[in-house]
Amino acid sequence: LWEASVRDSLTGAFNREYLTERLKA
């Protein structure tokens, strides 16, 4: 479930929402 929520299903890269949270950190 976590993988499905944060990763792009085609490429395996993280999604845009995850990037924003990661950049804050």
mmCIF file of all heavy atoms, coordinates in Angstrom:
data_MODEL
# 
_entry.id   MODEL 
# 
loop_
_atom_site.group_PDB 
_atom_site.id 
_atom_site.type_symbol 
_atom_site.label_atom_id 
_atom_site.label_alt_id 
_atom_site.label_comp_id 
_atom_site.label_asym_id 
_atom_site.label_entity_id 
_atom_site.label_seq_id 
_atom_site.pdbx_PDB_ins_code 
_atom_site.Cartn_x 
_atom_site.Cartn_y 
_atom_site.Cartn_z 
_atom_site.occupancy 
_atom_site.B_iso_or_equiv 
_atom_site.pdbx_formal_charge 
_atom_site.auth_seq_id 
_atom_site.auth_comp_id 
_atom_site.auth_asym_id 
_atom_site.auth_atom_id 
_atom_site.pdbx_PDB_model_num 
ATOM 1   N N   . LEU A 1 1  ? 0.828  -1.206 0.000   1.00 0.00 ? 1  LEU A N   1 
ATOM 2   C CA  . LEU A 1 1  ? 0.000  0.000  0.000   1.00 0.00 ? 1  LEU A CA  1 
ATOM 3   C C   . LEU A 1 1  ? 0.858  1.249  0.000   1.00 0.00 ? 1  LEU A C   1 
ATOM 4   O O   . LEU A 1 1  ? 0.548  2.236  -0.685  1.00 0.00 ? 1  LEU A O   1 
ATOM 5   C CB  . LEU A 1 1  ? -0.929 -0.012 1.214   1.00 0.00 ? 1  LEU A CB  1 
ATOM 6   C CG  . LEU A 1 1  ? -2.042 -1.057 1.204   1.00 0.00 ? 1  LEU A CG  1 
ATOM 7   C CD1 . LEU A 1 1  ? -2.761 -1.077 2.551   1.00 0.00 ? 1  LEU A CD1 1 
ATOM 8   C CD2 . LEU A 1 1  ? -3.021 -0.781 0.064   1.00 0.00 ? 1  LEU A CD2 1 
ATOM 9   N N   . TRP A 1 2  ? 1.936  1.226  0.786   1.00 0.00 ? 2  TRP A N   1 
ATOM 10  C CA  . TRP A 1 2  ? 2.828  2.385  0.801   1.00 0.00 ? 2  TRP A CA  1 
ATOM 11  C C   . TRP A 1 2  ? 3.453  2.602  -0.569  1.00 0.00 ? 2  TRP A C   1 
ATOM 12  O O   . TRP A 1 2  ? 3.494  3.718  -1.078  1.00 0.00 ? 2  TRP A O   1 
ATOM 13  C CB  . TRP A 1 2  ? 3.926  2.200  1.853   1.00 0.00 ? 2  TRP A CB  1 
ATOM 14  C CG  . TRP A 1 2  ? 4.848  3.361  1.899   1.00 0.00 ? 2  TRP A CG  1 
ATOM 15  C CD1 . TRP A 1 2  ? 4.650  4.533  2.553   1.00 0.00 ? 2  TRP A CD1 1 
ATOM 16  C CD2 . TRP A 1 2  ? 6.104  3.483  1.228   1.00 0.00 ? 2  TRP A CD2 1 
ATOM 17  N NE1 . TRP A 1 2  ? 5.721  5.385  2.341   1.00 0.00 ? 2  TRP A NE1 1 
ATOM 18  C CE2 . TRP A 1 2  ? 6.618  4.758  1.534   1.00 0.00 ? 2  TRP A CE2 1 
ATOM 19  C CE3 . TRP A 1 2  ? 6.842  2.629  0.401   1.00 0.00 ? 2  TRP A CE3 1 
ATOM 20  C CZ2 . TRP A 1 2  ? 7.836  5.207  1.031   1.00 0.00 ? 2  TRP A CZ2 1 
ATOM 21  C CZ3 . TRP A 1 2  ? 8.057  3.072  -0.095  1.00 0.00 ? 2  TRP A CZ3 1 
ATOM 22  C CH2 . TRP A 1 2  ? 8.542  4.347  0.222   1.00 0.00 ? 2  TRP A CH2 1 
ATOM 23  N N   . GLU A 1 3  ? 3.946  1.527  -1.170  1.00 0.00 ? 3  GLU A N   1 
ATOM 24  C CA  . GLU A 1 3  ? 4.560  1.643  -2.493  1.00 0.00 ? 3  GLU A CA  1 
ATOM 25  C C   . GLU A 1 3  ? 3.564  2.231  -3.497  1.00 0.00 ? 3  GLU A C   1 
ATOM 26  O O   . GLU A 1 3  ? 3.906  3.098  -4.301  1.00 0.00 ? 3  GLU A O   1 
ATOM 27  C CB  . GLU A 1 3  ? 5.031  0.265  -2.971  1.00 0.00 ? 3  GLU A CB  1 
ATOM 28  C CG  . GLU A 1 3  ? 6.251  -0.269 -2.242  1.00 0.00 ? 3  GLU A CG  1 
ATOM 29  C CD  . GLU A 1 3  ? 7.532  0.389  -2.715  1.00 0.00 ? 3  GLU A CD  1 
ATOM 30  O OE1 . GLU A 1 3  ? 7.549  0.893  -3.847  1.00 0.00 ? 3  GLU A OE1 1 
ATOM 31  O OE2 . GLU A 1 3  ? 8.509  0.407  -1.955  1.00 0.00 ? 3  GLU A OE2 1 
ATOM 32  N N   . ALA A 1 4  ? 2.320  1.748  -3.452  1.00 0.00 ? 4  ALA A N   1 
ATOM 33  C CA  . ALA A 1 4  ? 1.309  2.236  -4.396  1.00 0.00 ? 4  ALA A CA  1 
ATOM 34  C C   . ALA A 1 4  ? 1.001  3.711  -4.183  1.00 0.00 ? 4  ALA A C   1 
ATOM 35  O O   . ALA A 1 4  ? 0.664  4.426  -5.128  1.00 0.00 ? 4  ALA A O   1 
ATOM 36  C CB  . ALA A 1 4  ? 0.031  1.404  -4.265  1.00 0.00 ? 4  ALA A CB  1 
ATOM 37  N N   . SER A 1 5  ? 1.126  4.177  -2.931  1.00 0.00 ? 5  SER A N   1 
ATOM 38  C CA  . SER A 1 5  ? 0.764  5.556  -2.638  1.00 0.00 ? 5  SER A CA  1 
ATOM 39  C C   . SER A 1 5  ? 1.855  6.560  -2.970  1.00 0.00 ? 5  SER A C   1 
ATOM 40  O O   . SER A 1 5  ? 1.570  7.738  -3.140  1.00 0.00 ? 5  SER A O   1 
ATOM 41  C CB  . SER A 1 5  ? 0.382  5.692  -1.151  1.00 0.00 ? 5  SER A CB  1 
ATOM 42  O OG  . SER A 1 5  ? 1.525  5.547  -0.326  1.00 0.00 ? 5  SER A OG  1 
ATOM 43  N N   . VAL A 1 6  ? 3.109  6.118  -3.045  1.00 0.00 ? 6  VAL A N   1 
ATOM 44  C CA  . VAL A 1 6  ? 4.197  7.081  -3.218  1.00 0.00 ? 6  VAL A CA  1 
ATOM 45  C C   . VAL A 1 6  ? 4.998  6.878  -4.493  1.00 0.00 ? 6  VAL A C   1 
ATOM 46  O O   . VAL A 1 6  ? 5.842  7.705  -4.821  1.00 0.00 ? 6  VAL A O   1 
ATOM 47  C CB  . VAL A 1 6  ? 5.165  7.073  -2.010  1.00 0.00 ? 6  VAL A CB  1 
ATOM 48  C CG1 . VAL A 1 6  ? 4.444  7.435  -0.731  1.00 0.00 ? 6  VAL A CG1 1 
ATOM 49  C CG2 . VAL A 1 6  ? 5.884  5.733  -1.883  1.00 0.00 ? 6  VAL A CG2 1 
ATOM 50  N N   . ARG A 1 7  ? 4.764  5.807  -5.226  1.00 0.00 ? 7  ARG A N   1 
ATOM 51  C CA  . ARG A 1 7  ? 5.568  5.543  -6.422  1.00 0.00 ? 7  ARG A CA  1 
ATOM 52  C C   . ARG A 1 7  ? 4.735  5.576  -7.696  1.00 0.00 ? 7  ARG A C   1 
ATOM 53  O O   . ARG A 1 7  ? 3.568  5.221  -7.704  1.00 0.00 ? 7  ARG A O   1 
ATOM 54  C CB  . ARG A 1 7  ? 6.273  4.192  -6.309  1.00 0.00 ? 7  ARG A CB  1 
ATOM 55  C CG  . ARG A 1 7  ? 7.423  4.185  -5.304  1.00 0.00 ? 7  ARG A CG  1 
ATOM 56  C CD  . ARG A 1 7  ? 8.259  2.939  -5.462  1.00 0.00 ? 7  ARG A CD  1 
ATOM 57  N NE  . ARG A 1 7  ? 9.312  2.852  -4.477  1.00 0.00 ? 7  ARG A NE  1 
ATOM 58  C CZ  . ARG A 1 7  ? 10.524 3.378  -4.623  1.00 0.00 ? 7  ARG A CZ  1 
ATOM 59  N NH1 . ARG A 1 7  ? 10.829 4.032  -5.730  1.00 0.00 ? 7  ARG A NH1 1 
ATOM 60  N NH2 . ARG A 1 7  ? 11.436 3.245  -3.672  1.00 0.00 ? 7  ARG A NH2 1 
ATOM 61  N N   . ASP A 1 8  ? 5.386  5.990  -8.761  1.00 0.00 ? 8  ASP A N   1 
ATOM 62  C CA  . ASP A 1 8  ? 4.808  5.928  -10.091 1.00 0.00 ? 8  ASP A CA  1 
ATOM 63  C C   . ASP A 1 8  ? 4.803  4.469  -10.547 1.00 0.00 ? 8  ASP A C   1 
ATOM 64  O O   . ASP A 1 8  ? 5.842  3.804  -10.518 1.00 0.00 ? 8  ASP A O   1 
ATOM 65  C CB  . ASP A 1 8  ? 5.642  6.785  -11.047 1.00 0.00 ? 8  ASP A CB  1 
ATOM 66  C CG  . ASP A 1 8  ? 5.239  6.608  -12.488 1.00 0.00 ? 8  ASP A CG  1 
ATOM 67  O OD1 . ASP A 1 8  ? 4.048  6.773  -12.796 1.00 0.00 ? 8  ASP A OD1 1 
ATOM 68  O OD2 . ASP A 1 8  ? 6.123  6.294  -13.323 1.00 0.00 ? 8  ASP A OD2 1 
ATOM 69  N N   . SER A 1 9  ? 3.656  3.974  -10.952 1.00 0.00 ? 9  SER A N   1 
ATOM 70  C CA  . SER A 1 9  ? 3.522  2.551  -11.254 1.00 0.00 ? 9  SER A CA  1 
ATOM 71  C C   . SER A 1 9  ? 4.317  2.133  -12.487 1.00 0.00 ? 9  SER A C   1 
ATOM 72  O O   . SER A 1 9  ? 4.721  0.971  -12.593 1.00 0.00 ? 9  SER A O   1 
ATOM 73  C CB  . SER A 1 9  ? 2.044  2.191  -11.446 1.00 0.00 ? 9  SER A CB  1 
ATOM 74  O OG  . SER A 1 9  ? 1.480  2.938  -12.517 1.00 0.00 ? 9  SER A OG  1 
ATOM 75  N N   . LEU A 1 10 ? 4.570  3.042  -13.409 1.00 0.00 ? 10 LEU A N   1 
ATOM 76  C CA  . LEU A 1 10 ? 5.291  2.681  -14.632 1.00 0.00 ? 10 LEU A CA  1 
ATOM 77  C C   . LEU A 1 10 ? 6.794  2.602  -14.403 1.00 0.00 ? 10 LEU A C   1 
ATOM 78  O O   . LEU A 1 10 ? 7.434  1.600  -14.727 1.00 0.00 ? 10 LEU A O   1 
ATOM 79  C CB  . LEU A 1 10 ? 4.990  3.680  -15.747 1.00 0.00 ? 10 LEU A CB  1 
ATOM 80  C CG  . LEU A 1 10 ? 5.772  3.464  -17.046 1.00 0.00 ? 10 LEU A CG  1 
ATOM 81  C CD1 . LEU A 1 10 ? 5.361  2.148  -17.705 1.00 0.00 ? 10 LEU A CD1 1 
ATOM 82  C CD2 . LEU A 1 10 ? 5.578  4.641  -18.010 1.00 0.00 ? 10 LEU A CD2 1 
ATOM 83  N N   . THR A 1 11 ? 7.371  3.660  -13.860 1.00 0.00 ? 11 THR A N   1 
ATOM 84  C CA  . THR A 1 11 ? 8.827  3.779  -13.794 1.00 0.00 ? 11 THR A CA  1 
ATOM 85  C C   . THR A 1 11 ? 9.425  3.345  -12.463 1.00 0.00 ? 11 THR A C   1 
ATOM 86  O O   . THR A 1 11 ? 10.627 3.107  -12.373 1.00 0.00 ? 11 THR A O   1 
ATOM 87  C CB  . THR A 1 11 ? 9.248  5.235  -14.056 1.00 0.00 ? 11 THR A CB  1 
ATOM 88  O OG1 . THR A 1 11 ? 8.724  6.062  -12.998 1.00 0.00 ? 11 THR A OG1 1 
ATOM 89  C CG2 . THR A 1 11 ? 8.714  5.721  -15.395 1.00 0.00 ? 11 THR A CG2 1 
ATOM 90  N N   . GLY A 1 12 ? 8.614  3.276  -11.416 1.00 0.00 ? 12 GLY A N   1 
ATOM 91  C CA  . GLY A 1 12 ? 9.142  2.982  -10.096 1.00 0.00 ? 12 GLY A CA  1 
ATOM 92  C C   . GLY A 1 12 ? 9.707  4.193  -9.383  1.00 0.00 ? 12 GLY A C   1 
ATOM 93  O O   . GLY A 1 12 ? 10.122 4.100  -8.225  1.00 0.00 ? 12 GLY A O   1 
ATOM 94  N N   . ALA A 1 13 ? 9.737  5.357  -10.042 1.00 0.00 ? 13 ALA A N   1 
ATOM 95  C CA  . ALA A 1 13 ? 10.181 6.583  -9.385  1.00 0.00 ? 13 ALA A CA  1 
ATOM 96  C C   . ALA A 1 13 ? 9.114  7.034  -8.386  1.00 0.00 ? 13 ALA A C   1 
ATOM 97  O O   . ALA A 1 13 ? 7.943  6.685  -8.503  1.00 0.00 ? 13 ALA A O   1 
ATOM 98  C CB  . ALA A 1 13 ? 10.420 7.680  -10.426 1.00 0.00 ? 13 ALA A CB  1 
ATOM 99  N N   . PHE A 1 14 ? 9.539  7.820  -7.396  1.00 0.00 ? 14 PHE A N   1 
ATOM 100 C CA  . PHE A 1 14 ? 8.569  8.383  -6.467  1.00 0.00 ? 14 PHE A CA  1 
ATOM 101 C C   . PHE A 1 14 ? 7.668  9.380  -7.197  1.00 0.00 ? 14 PHE A C   1 
ATOM 102 O O   . PHE A 1 14 ? 8.010  9.876  -8.275  1.00 0.00 ? 14 PHE A O   1 
ATOM 103 C CB  . PHE A 1 14 ? 9.281  9.063  -5.302  1.00 0.00 ? 14 PHE A CB  1 
ATOM 104 C CG  . PHE A 1 14 ? 9.904  8.102  -4.336  1.00 0.00 ? 14 PHE A CG  1 
ATOM 105 C CD1 . PHE A 1 14 ? 11.265 7.859  -4.355  1.00 0.00 ? 14 PHE A CD1 1 
ATOM 106 C CD2 . PHE A 1 14 ? 9.124  7.419  -3.414  1.00 0.00 ? 14 PHE A CD2 1 
ATOM 107 C CE1 . PHE A 1 14 ? 11.845 6.959  -3.477  1.00 0.00 ? 14 PHE A CE1 1 
ATOM 108 C CE2 . PHE A 1 14 ? 9.686  6.520  -2.526  1.00 0.00 ? 14 PHE A CE2 1 
ATOM 109 C CZ  . PHE A 1 14 ? 11.054 6.285  -2.560  1.00 0.00 ? 14 PHE A CZ  1 
ATOM 110 N N   . ASN A 1 15 ? 6.508  9.677  -6.609  1.00 0.00 ? 15 ASN A N   1 
ATOM 111 C CA  . ASN A 1 15 ? 5.593  10.597 -7.267  1.00 0.00 ? 15 ASN A CA  1 
ATOM 112 C C   . ASN A 1 15 ? 5.841  12.048 -6.826  1.00 0.00 ? 15 ASN A C   1 
ATOM 113 O O   . ASN A 1 15 ? 6.678  12.323 -5.967  1.00 0.00 ? 15 ASN A O   1 
ATOM 114 C CB  . ASN A 1 15 ? 4.131  10.186 -7.055  1.00 0.00 ? 15 ASN A CB  1 
ATOM 115 C CG  . ASN A 1 15 ? 3.740  10.136 -5.588  1.00 0.00 ? 15 ASN A CG  1 
ATOM 116 O OD1 . ASN A 1 15 ? 4.277  10.869 -4.751  1.00 0.00 ? 15 ASN A OD1 1 
ATOM 117 N ND2 . ASN A 1 15 ? 2.778  9.287  -5.262  1.00 0.00 ? 15 ASN A ND2 1 
ATOM 118 N N   . ARG A 1 16 ? 5.099  12.939 -7.410  1.00 0.00 ? 16 ARG A N   1 
ATOM 119 C CA  . ARG A 1 16 ? 5.297  14.370 -7.181  1.00 0.00 ? 16 ARG A CA  1 
ATOM 120 C C   . ARG A 1 16 ? 5.002  14.766 -5.733  1.00 0.00 ? 16 ARG A C   1 
ATOM 121 O O   . ARG A 1 16 ? 5.697  15.606 -5.160  1.00 0.00 ? 16 ARG A O   1 
ATOM 122 C CB  . ARG A 1 16 ? 4.396  15.148 -8.150  1.00 0.00 ? 16 ARG A CB  1 
ATOM 123 C CG  . ARG A 1 16 ? 4.543  16.640 -8.111  1.00 0.00 ? 16 ARG A CG  1 
ATOM 124 C CD  . ARG A 1 16 ? 3.799  17.229 -9.286  1.00 0.00 ? 16 ARG A CD  1 
ATOM 125 N NE  . ARG A 1 16 ? 3.837  18.672 -9.307  1.00 0.00 ? 16 ARG A NE  1 
ATOM 126 C CZ  . ARG A 1 16 ? 3.488  19.406 -10.363 1.00 0.00 ? 16 ARG A CZ  1 
ATOM 127 N NH1 . ARG A 1 16 ? 3.072  18.807 -11.465 1.00 0.00 ? 16 ARG A NH1 1 
ATOM 128 N NH2 . ARG A 1 16 ? 3.546  20.722 -10.332 1.00 0.00 ? 16 ARG A NH2 1 
ATOM 129 N N   . GLU A 1 17 ? 3.975  14.176 -5.151  1.00 0.00 ? 17 GLU A N   1 
ATOM 130 C CA  . GLU A 1 17 ? 3.621  14.508 -3.773  1.00 0.00 ? 17 GLU A CA  1 
ATOM 131 C C   . GLU A 1 17 ? 4.730  14.091 -2.811  1.00 0.00 ? 17 GLU A C   1 
ATOM 132 O O   . GLU A 1 17 ? 5.067  14.816 -1.869  1.00 0.00 ? 17 GLU A O   1 
ATOM 133 C CB  . GLU A 1 17 ? 2.301  13.827 -3.387  1.00 0.00 ? 17 GLU A CB  1 
ATOM 134 C CG  . GLU A 1 17 ? 1.072  14.371 -4.106  1.00 0.00 ? 17 GLU A CG  1 
ATOM 135 C CD  . GLU A 1 17 ? 0.970  13.907 -5.550  1.00 0.00 ? 17 GLU A CD  1 
ATOM 136 O OE1 . GLU A 1 17 ? 1.664  12.916 -5.932  1.00 0.00 ? 17 GLU A OE1 1 
ATOM 137 O OE2 . GLU A 1 17 ? 0.211  14.529 -6.322  1.00 0.00 ? 17 GLU A OE2 1 
ATOM 138 N N   . TYR A 1 18 ? 5.301  12.937 -3.063  1.00 0.00 ? 18 TYR A N   1 
ATOM 139 C CA  . TYR A 1 18 ? 6.399  12.482 -2.213  1.00 0.00 ? 18 TYR A CA  1 
ATOM 140 C C   . TYR A 1 18 ? 7.595  13.421 -2.331  1.00 0.00 ? 18 TYR A C   1 
ATOM 141 O O   . TYR A 1 18 ? 8.269  13.722 -1.340  1.00 0.00 ? 18 TYR A O   1 
ATOM 142 C CB  . TYR A 1 18 ? 6.814  11.065 -2.591  1.00 0.00 ? 18 TYR A CB  1 
ATOM 143 C CG  . TYR A 1 18 ? 7.923  10.531 -1.727  1.00 0.00 ? 18 TYR A CG  1 
ATOM 144 C CD1 . TYR A 1 18 ? 7.648  9.874  -0.537  1.00 0.00 ? 18 TYR A CD1 1 
ATOM 145 C CD2 . TYR A 1 18 ? 9.255  10.693 -2.096  1.00 0.00 ? 18 TYR A CD2 1 
ATOM 146 C CE1 . TYR A 1 18 ? 8.657  9.391  0.270   1.00 0.00 ? 18 TYR A CE1 1 
ATOM 147 C CE2 . TYR A 1 18 ? 10.273 10.224 -1.294  1.00 0.00 ? 18 TYR A CE2 1 
ATOM 148 C CZ  . TYR A 1 18 ? 9.966  9.574  -0.114  1.00 0.00 ? 18 TYR A CZ  1 
ATOM 149 O OH  . TYR A 1 18 ? 10.993 9.121  0.683   1.00 0.00 ? 18 TYR A OH  1 
ATOM 150 N N   . LEU A 1 19 ? 7.881  13.874 -3.537  1.00 0.00 ? 19 LEU A N   1 
ATOM 151 C CA  . LEU A 1 19 ? 8.998  14.805 -3.739  1.00 0.00 ? 19 LEU A CA  1 
ATOM 152 C C   . LEU A 1 19 ? 8.838  16.046 -2.883  1.00 0.00 ? 19 LEU A C   1 
ATOM 153 O O   . LEU A 1 19 ? 9.793  16.497 -2.227  1.00 0.00 ? 19 LEU A O   1 
ATOM 154 C CB  . LEU A 1 19 ? 9.093  15.203 -5.220  1.00 0.00 ? 19 LEU A CB  1 
ATOM 155 C CG  . LEU A 1 19 ? 10.091 16.324 -5.529  1.00 0.00 ? 19 LEU A CG  1 
ATOM 156 C CD1 . LEU A 1 19 ? 11.522 15.848 -5.308  1.00 0.00 ? 19 LEU A CD1 1 
ATOM 157 C CD2 . LEU A 1 19 ? 9.901  16.843 -6.958  1.00 0.00 ? 19 LEU A CD2 1 
ATOM 158 N N   . THR A 1 20 ? 7.642  16.620 -2.868  1.00 0.00 ? 20 THR A N   1 
ATOM 159 C CA  . THR A 1 20 ? 7.415  17.841 -2.090  1.00 0.00 ? 20 THR A CA  1 
ATOM 160 C C   . THR A 1 20 ? 7.687  17.593 -0.608  1.00 0.00 ? 20 THR A C   1 
ATOM 161 O O   . THR A 1 20 ? 8.357  18.399 0.053   1.00 0.00 ? 20 THR A O   1 
ATOM 162 C CB  . THR A 1 20 ? 5.976  18.333 -2.280  1.00 0.00 ? 20 THR A CB  1 
ATOM 163 O OG1 . THR A 1 20 ? 5.743  18.588 -3.678  1.00 0.00 ? 20 THR A OG1 1 
ATOM 164 C CG2 . THR A 1 20 ? 5.731  19.605 -1.495  1.00 0.00 ? 20 THR A CG2 1 
ATOM 165 N N   . GLU A 1 21 ? 7.186  16.479 -0.072  1.00 0.00 ? 21 GLU A N   1 
ATOM 166 C CA  . GLU A 1 21 ? 7.428  16.170 1.336   1.00 0.00 ? 21 GLU A CA  1 
ATOM 167 C C   . GLU A 1 21 ? 8.898  15.911 1.601   1.00 0.00 ? 21 GLU A C   1 
ATOM 168 O O   . GLU A 1 21 ? 9.446  16.331 2.625   1.00 0.00 ? 21 GLU A O   1 
ATOM 169 C CB  . GLU A 1 21 ? 6.591  14.960 1.753   1.00 0.00 ? 21 GLU A CB  1 
ATOM 170 C CG  . GLU A 1 21 ? 5.094  15.203 1.751   1.00 0.00 ? 21 GLU A CG  1 
ATOM 171 C CD  . GLU A 1 21 ? 4.710  16.357 2.654   1.00 0.00 ? 21 GLU A CD  1 
ATOM 172 O OE1 . GLU A 1 21 ? 5.190  16.396 3.813   1.00 0.00 ? 21 GLU A OE1 1 
ATOM 173 O OE2 . GLU A 1 21 ? 3.941  17.225 2.211   1.00 0.00 ? 21 GLU A OE2 1 
ATOM 174 N N   . ARG A 1 22 ? 9.555  15.232 0.689   1.00 0.00 ? 22 ARG A N   1 
ATOM 175 C CA  . ARG A 1 22 ? 10.977 14.940 0.867   1.00 0.00 ? 22 ARG A CA  1 
ATOM 176 C C   . ARG A 1 22 ? 11.804 16.220 0.853   1.00 0.00 ? 22 ARG A C   1 
ATOM 177 O O   . ARG A 1 22 ? 12.748 16.379 1.646   1.00 0.00 ? 22 ARG A O   1 
ATOM 178 C CB  . ARG A 1 22 ? 11.443 13.990 -0.229  1.00 0.00 ? 22 ARG A CB  1 
ATOM 179 C CG  . ARG A 1 22 ? 12.909 13.575 -0.139  1.00 0.00 ? 22 ARG A CG  1 
ATOM 180 C CD  . ARG A 1 22 ? 13.221 12.861 1.163   1.00 0.00 ? 22 ARG A CD  1 
ATOM 181 N NE  . ARG A 1 22 ? 14.600 12.416 1.176   1.00 0.00 ? 22 ARG A NE  1 
ATOM 182 C CZ  . ARG A 1 22 ? 14.960 11.136 1.060   1.00 0.00 ? 22 ARG A CZ  1 
ATOM 183 N NH1 . ARG A 1 22 ? 14.047 10.200 0.933   1.00 0.00 ? 22 ARG A NH1 1 
ATOM 184 N NH2 . ARG A 1 22 ? 16.221 10.798 1.080   1.00 0.00 ? 22 ARG A NH2 1 
ATOM 185 N N   . LEU A 1 23 ? 11.465 17.158 -0.030  1.00 0.00 ? 23 LEU A N   1 
ATOM 186 C CA  . LEU A 1 23 ? 12.209 18.408 -0.101  1.00 0.00 ? 23 LEU A CA  1 
ATOM 187 C C   . LEU A 1 23 ? 12.071 19.211 1.193   1.00 0.00 ? 23 LEU A C   1 
ATOM 188 O O   . LEU A 1 23 ? 13.024 19.865 1.630   1.00 0.00 ? 23 LEU A O   1 
ATOM 189 C CB  . LEU A 1 23 ? 11.757 19.238 -1.297  1.00 0.00 ? 23 LEU A CB  1 
ATOM 190 C CG  . LEU A 1 23 ? 12.210 18.720 -2.666  1.00 0.00 ? 23 LEU A CG  1 
ATOM 191 C CD1 . LEU A 1 23 ? 11.655 19.606 -3.781  1.00 0.00 ? 23 LEU A CD1 1 
ATOM 192 C CD2 . LEU A 1 23 ? 13.731 18.654 -2.759  1.00 0.00 ? 23 LEU A CD2 1 
ATOM 193 N N   . LYS A 1 24 ? 10.899 19.175 1.813   1.00 0.00 ? 24 LYS A N   1 
ATOM 194 C CA  . LYS A 1 24 ? 10.739 19.843 3.105   1.00 0.00 ? 24 LYS A CA  1 
ATOM 195 C C   . LYS A 1 24 ? 11.732 19.285 4.111   1.00 0.00 ? 24 LYS A C   1 
ATOM 196 O O   . LYS A 1 24 ? 12.382 20.037 4.856   1.00 0.00 ? 24 LYS A O   1 
ATOM 197 C CB  . LYS A 1 24 ? 9.308  19.661 3.625   1.00 0.00 ? 24 LYS A CB  1 
ATOM 198 C CG  . LYS A 1 24 ? 8.240  20.378 2.832   1.00 0.00 ? 24 LYS A CG  1 
ATOM 199 C CD  . LYS A 1 24 ? 6.863  20.064 3.409   1.00 0.00 ? 24 LYS A CD  1 
ATOM 200 C CE  . LYS A 1 24 ? 5.743  20.687 2.574   1.00 0.00 ? 24 LYS A CE  1 
ATOM 201 N NZ  . LYS A 1 24 ? 4.400  20.306 3.093   1.00 0.00 ? 24 LYS A NZ  1 
ATOM 202 N N   . ALA A 1 25 ? 11.847 17.973 4.141   1.00 0.00 ? 25 ALA A N   1 
ATOM 203 C CA  . ALA A 1 25 ? 12.759 17.325 5.083   1.00 0.00 ? 25 ALA A CA  1 
ATOM 204 C C   . ALA A 1 25 ? 14.210 17.639 4.740   1.00 0.00 ? 25 ALA A C   1 
ATOM 205 O O   . ALA A 1 25 ? 15.031 17.888 5.637   1.00 0.00 ? 25 ALA A O   1 
ATOM 206 C CB  . ALA A 1 25 ? 12.531 15.819 5.067   1.00 0.00 ? 25 ALA A CB  1 
# 
